[in-house]
Each structure stands twice: as structure tokens, then as C-alpha cells.
Amino acid sequence: MEQELGAAGQLGVIDGAPKLNKAATVRERALGVVSVAVLLAGLAGACTSGVPAVVGVLVLAAALLLMIAWSWFHLGATRRRPHTKAENAAIVFATMMLGAPGSKILWDDPAPLGASLVAAALPTAGLLFYLVLRWRR
């Protein structure tokens, strides 16, 4: 049978609960910045160079895996708070926006650098926004 706890007992249980406020390490933040830079450079480079369709699919798959890896890392990290609706929306936006550079990579001839950077900036901004939301505190 469960025993009713008084106010002091309830506060003791709350104090004993694990804290979900572990901050991101400097290494994690640096790796996130590198990931964002690699994503932008890789997508823009693939847009401007006119890579074959097979290579383009591999570039897009690698970009998608990078985003999924960050999401799974944050889901499995210990002592981290659960994802918020805004964070989930940001990572979904980032993955959906892979279609902008994807259309240039897979079906167009090499695109000008400006158009390639704009197309690559959409999923990159979504990933950066997701990472910033996860690291805020």
C-alpha cells in the first residue's frame, strides 16, 4: 500500500528527481557549428558543380542523415529536457527544405553561386535554428 506523503515528503521526492537542465558542452556546440558549415558548403557546392544524379542523391542523403543524427543525439542525451514543439517544427522544416537545393542538384544544370547559396541556406538555417533552440538556457 502506498503511504500518503506530507508536504515535506513530497518536496523531498521532487528534490530527488533528476534535473533535466544539463547544458551543451563546448565540444557539442563546436561540432554543431561545423555541421552547419559543412551542410551549407556541401549543398551549395553540389548545386553549383552540376554533379551526376547518383552523387546528388548521396549528398542529399548525407544531409538528411546529418539532421537525423543531431535529432537522435538530443533525444538520447542524458539529463536533457524533452523536445519542444518549436524544436520539432524546426527539424521538420530543415528536412523539408532539403527539397530546395535538391531540385537544383538532381534536375537542373549547374546553378549560379547566388541561387545555390540561397537554396542551401534554407535547410541550413532550419538546422541552425534547431540547434540554437536546443542549446538555449
C-alpha atoms as a PDB file:
ATOM      1  CA  MET A   1       0.000   0.000   0.000  1.00  0.00           C
ATOM      2  CA  GLU A   2       1.106   3.489  -0.770  1.00  0.00           C
ATOM      3  CA  GLN A   3       1.622   5.866   2.044  1.00  0.00           C
ATOM      4  CA  GLU A   4       0.414   9.438   1.717  1.00  0.00           C
ATOM      5  CA  LEU A   5       3.314  11.857   1.862  1.00  0.00           C
ATOM      6  CA  GLY A   6       3.088  15.150   3.614  1.00  0.00           C
ATOM      7  CA  ALA A   7       4.257  18.395   2.104  1.00  0.00           C
ATOM      8  CA  ALA A   8       7.800  17.828   3.329  1.00  0.00           C
ATOM      9  CA  GLY A   9       7.855  14.307   1.880  1.00  0.00           C
ATOM     10  CA  GLN A  10       6.568  15.498  -1.479  1.00  0.00           C
ATOM     11  CA  LEU A  11       9.231  18.207  -1.626  1.00  0.00           C
ATOM     12  CA  GLY A  12      11.845  15.569  -0.826  1.00  0.00           C
ATOM     13  CA  VAL A  13      10.660  13.434  -3.736  1.00  0.00           C
ATOM     14  CA  ILE A  14      10.785  16.444  -6.055  1.00  0.00           C
ATOM     15  CA  ASP A  15      14.308  17.348  -4.892  1.00  0.00           C
ATOM     16  CA  GLY A  16      15.420  13.772  -5.579  1.00  0.00           C
ATOM     17  CA  ALA A  17      14.164  13.816  -9.178  1.00  0.00           C
ATOM     18  CA  PRO A  18      16.839  14.095 -11.871  1.00  0.00           C
ATOM     19  CA  LYS A  19      17.485  17.564 -13.234  1.00  0.00           C
ATOM     20  CA  LEU A  20      16.901  17.954 -16.971  1.00  0.00           C
ATOM     21  CA  ASN A  21      18.976  21.058 -17.452  1.00  0.00           C
ATOM     22  CA  LYS A  22      22.389  19.796 -18.494  1.00  0.00           C
ATOM     23  CA  ALA A  23      23.920  22.423 -20.742  1.00  0.00           C
ATOM     24  CA  ALA A  24      25.521  21.634 -24.069  1.00  0.00           C
ATOM     25  CA  THR A  25      29.274  21.242 -23.905  1.00  0.00           C
ATOM     26  CA  VAL A  26      31.679  23.447 -25.838  1.00  0.00           C
ATOM     27  CA  ARG A  27      32.596  20.414 -27.932  1.00  0.00           C
ATOM     28  CA  GLU A  28      28.951  19.806 -28.843  1.00  0.00           C
ATOM     29  CA  ARG A  29      28.434  23.437 -29.815  1.00  0.00           C
ATOM     30  CA  ALA A  30      31.617  23.497 -31.897  1.00  0.00           C
ATOM     31  CA  LEU A  31      30.576  20.299 -33.659  1.00  0.00           C
ATOM     32  CA  GLY A  32      27.174  21.849 -34.336  1.00  0.00           C
ATOM     33  CA  VAL A  33      28.728  24.929 -35.917  1.00  0.00           C
ATOM     34  CA  VAL A  34      30.986  22.719 -38.042  1.00  0.00           C
ATOM     35  CA  SER A  35      27.963  20.621 -39.060  1.00  0.00           C
ATOM     36  CA  VAL A  36      26.071  23.723 -40.175  1.00  0.00           C
ATOM     37  CA  ALA A  37      29.068  24.991 -42.155  1.00  0.00           C
ATOM     38  CA  VAL A  38      29.594  21.605 -43.828  1.00  0.00           C
ATOM     39  CA  LEU A  39      25.900  21.370 -44.673  1.00  0.00           C
ATOM     40  CA  LEU A  40      25.867  24.812 -46.290  1.00  0.00           C
ATOM     41  CA  ALA A  41      29.109  24.240 -48.198  1.00  0.00           C
ATOM     42  CA  GLY A  42      28.165  20.733 -49.313  1.00  0.00           C
ATOM     43  CA  LEU A  43      24.725  21.629 -50.584  1.00  0.00           C
ATOM     44  CA  ALA A  44      25.855  24.843 -52.269  1.00  0.00           C
ATOM     45  CA  GLY A  45      28.836  23.089 -53.814  1.00  0.00           C
ATOM     46  CA  ALA A  46      26.690  20.304 -55.184  1.00  0.00           C
ATOM     47  CA  CYS A  47      24.261  22.860 -56.646  1.00  0.00           C
ATOM     48  CA  THR A  48      26.945  24.845 -58.420  1.00  0.00           C
ATOM     49  CA  SER A  49      29.014  21.951 -59.718  1.00  0.00           C
ATOM     50  CA  GLY A  50      26.292  20.039 -61.546  1.00  0.00           C
ATOM     51  CA  VAL A  51      27.128  16.668 -60.026  1.00  0.00           C
ATOM     52  CA  PRO A  52      25.642  13.489 -61.532  1.00  0.00           C
ATOM     53  CA  ALA A  53      22.273  12.420 -60.155  1.00  0.00           C
ATOM     54  CA  VAL A  54      23.763   9.494 -58.200  1.00  0.00           C
ATOM     55  CA  VAL A  55      26.210  11.774 -56.426  1.00  0.00           C
ATOM     56  CA  GLY A  56      23.420  14.285 -55.830  1.00  0.00           C
ATOM     57  CA  VAL A  57      21.311  11.628 -54.151  1.00  0.00           C
ATOM     58  CA  LEU A  58      24.268  10.734 -51.928  1.00  0.00           C
ATOM     59  CA  VAL A  59      24.783  14.404 -50.999  1.00  0.00           C
ATOM     60  CA  LEU A  60      21.112  14.795 -50.094  1.00  0.00           C
ATOM     61  CA  ALA A  61      21.148  11.517 -48.141  1.00  0.00           C
ATOM     62  CA  ALA A  62      24.211  12.669 -46.211  1.00  0.00           C
ATOM     63  CA  ALA A  63      22.497  15.994 -45.418  1.00  0.00           C
ATOM     64  CA  LEU A  64      19.407  14.166 -44.211  1.00  0.00           C
ATOM     65  CA  LEU A  65      21.487  11.800 -42.094  1.00  0.00           C
ATOM     66  CA  LEU A  66      23.283  14.764 -40.525  1.00  0.00           C
ATOM     67  CA  MET A  67      19.971  16.281 -39.439  1.00  0.00           C
ATOM     68  CA  ILE A  68      18.611  12.983 -38.174  1.00  0.00           C
ATOM     69  CA  ALA A  69      21.835  12.331 -36.276  1.00  0.00           C
ATOM     70  CA  TRP A  70      21.520  15.622 -34.398  1.00  0.00           C
ATOM     71  CA  SER A  71      17.901  14.930 -33.566  1.00  0.00           C
ATOM     72  CA  TRP A  72      18.662  11.410 -32.319  1.00  0.00           C
ATOM     73  CA  PHE A  73      21.641  12.661 -30.353  1.00  0.00           C
ATOM     74  CA  HIS A  74      19.443  15.109 -28.489  1.00  0.00           C
ATOM     75  CA  LEU A  75      16.733  12.514 -27.950  1.00  0.00           C
ATOM     76  CA  GLY A  76      19.212  10.083 -26.402  1.00  0.00           C
ATOM     77  CA  ALA A  77      21.357  12.534 -24.428  1.00  0.00           C
ATOM     78  CA  THR A  78      21.148  12.051 -20.690  1.00  0.00           C
ATOM     79  CA  ARG A  79      19.812  14.761 -18.432  1.00  0.00           C
ATOM     80  CA  ARG A  80      18.397  16.768 -21.321  1.00  0.00           C
ATOM     81  CA  ARG A  81      14.912  18.142 -21.478  1.00  0.00           C
ATOM     82  CA  PRO A  82      12.433  16.696 -23.991  1.00  0.00           C
ATOM     83  CA  HIS A  83      11.984  18.341 -27.379  1.00  0.00           C
ATOM     84  CA  THR A  84       9.561  21.248 -27.543  1.00  0.00           C
ATOM     85  CA  LYS A  85       7.062  21.793 -30.349  1.00  0.00           C
ATOM     86  CA  ALA A  86       9.229  24.575 -31.764  1.00  0.00           C
ATOM     87  CA  GLU A  87      12.292  22.298 -31.863  1.00  0.00           C
ATOM     88  CA  ASN A  88      10.342  19.538 -33.568  1.00  0.00           C
ATOM     89  CA  ALA A  89       8.971  22.043 -36.073  1.00  0.00           C
ATOM     90  CA  ALA A  90      12.470  23.410 -36.761  1.00  0.00           C
ATOM     91  CA  ILE A  91      13.956  19.992 -37.553  1.00  0.00           C
ATOM     92  CA  VAL A  92      10.955  19.063 -39.718  1.00  0.00           C
ATOM     93  CA  PHE A  93      11.296  22.397 -41.544  1.00  0.00           C
ATOM     94  CA  ALA A  94      15.001  21.769 -42.089  1.00  0.00           C
ATOM     95  CA  THR A  95      14.435  18.326 -43.566  1.00  0.00           C
ATOM     96  CA  MET A  96      11.595  19.530 -45.793  1.00  0.00           C
ATOM     97  CA  MET A  97      13.701  22.418 -47.066  1.00  0.00           C
ATOM     98  CA  LEU A  98      16.223  19.934 -48.457  1.00  0.00           C
ATOM     99  CA  GLY A  99      13.923  19.983 -51.473  1.00  0.00           C
ATOM    100  CA  ALA A 100      15.129  23.480 -52.438  1.00  0.00           C
ATOM    101  CA  PRO A 101      18.740  22.513 -53.092  1.00  0.00           C
ATOM    102  CA  GLY A 102      17.598  19.014 -54.038  1.00  0.00           C
ATOM    103  CA  SER A 103      15.709  20.325 -57.028  1.00  0.00           C
ATOM    104  CA  LYS A 104      18.829  22.143 -58.221  1.00  0.00           C
ATOM    105  CA  ILE A 105      21.120  19.188 -57.517  1.00  0.00           C
ATOM    106  CA  LEU A 106      19.026  16.498 -59.174  1.00  0.00           C
ATOM    107  CA  TRP A 107      17.316  18.133 -62.161  1.00  0.00           C
ATOM    108  CA  ASP A 108      18.982  21.394 -63.128  1.00  0.00           C
ATOM    109  CA  ASP A 109      22.208  22.253 -64.804  1.00  0.00           C
ATOM    110  CA  PRO A 110      24.787  23.891 -62.564  1.00  0.00           C
ATOM    111  CA  ALA A 111      23.143  26.833 -60.827  1.00  0.00           C
ATOM    112  CA  PRO A 112      24.753  30.222 -60.230  1.00  0.00           C
ATOM    113  CA  LEU A 113      26.511  30.614 -56.886  1.00  0.00           C
ATOM    114  CA  GLY A 114      23.961  33.095 -55.517  1.00  0.00           C
ATOM    115  CA  ALA A 115      20.981  30.864 -56.249  1.00  0.00           C
ATOM    116  CA  SER A 116      22.841  27.865 -54.864  1.00  0.00           C
ATOM    117  CA  LEU A 117      23.653  29.647 -51.619  1.00  0.00           C
ATOM    118  CA  VAL A 118      20.044  30.763 -51.184  1.00  0.00           C
ATOM    119  CA  ALA A 119      18.749  27.234 -51.803  1.00  0.00           C
ATOM    120  CA  ALA A 120      21.333  25.708 -49.454  1.00  0.00           C
ATOM    121  CA  ALA A 121      20.655  28.340 -46.789  1.00  0.00           C
ATOM    122  CA  LEU A 122      17.058  27.192 -46.236  1.00  0.00           C
ATOM    123  CA  PRO A 123      17.796  23.746 -44.722  1.00  0.00           C
ATOM    124  CA  THR A 124      20.950  25.101 -43.106  1.00  0.00           C
ATOM    125  CA  ALA A 125      19.004  27.853 -41.347  1.00  0.00           C
ATOM    126  CA  GLY A 126      16.467  25.286 -40.164  1.00  0.00           C
ATOM    127  CA  LEU A 127      19.204  23.097 -38.675  1.00  0.00           C
ATOM    128  CA  LEU A 128      20.914  26.092 -37.084  1.00  0.00           C
ATOM    129  CA  PHE A 129      17.616  27.273 -35.592  1.00  0.00           C
ATOM    130  CA  TYR A 130      17.001  23.767 -34.199  1.00  0.00           C
ATOM    131  CA  LEU A 131      20.465  23.627 -32.625  1.00  0.00           C
ATOM    132  CA  VAL A 132      20.147  27.100 -31.113  1.00  0.00           C
ATOM    133  CA  LEU A 133      16.766  26.164 -29.611  1.00  0.00           C
ATOM    134  CA  ARG A 134      18.285  23.022 -28.108  1.00  0.00           C
ATOM    135  CA  TRP A 135      21.237  24.929 -26.665  1.00  0.00           C
ATOM    136  CA  ARG A 136      19.367  27.861 -25.194  1.00  0.00           C
ATOM    137  CA  ARG A 137      19.333  28.353 -21.430  1.00  0.00           C
END
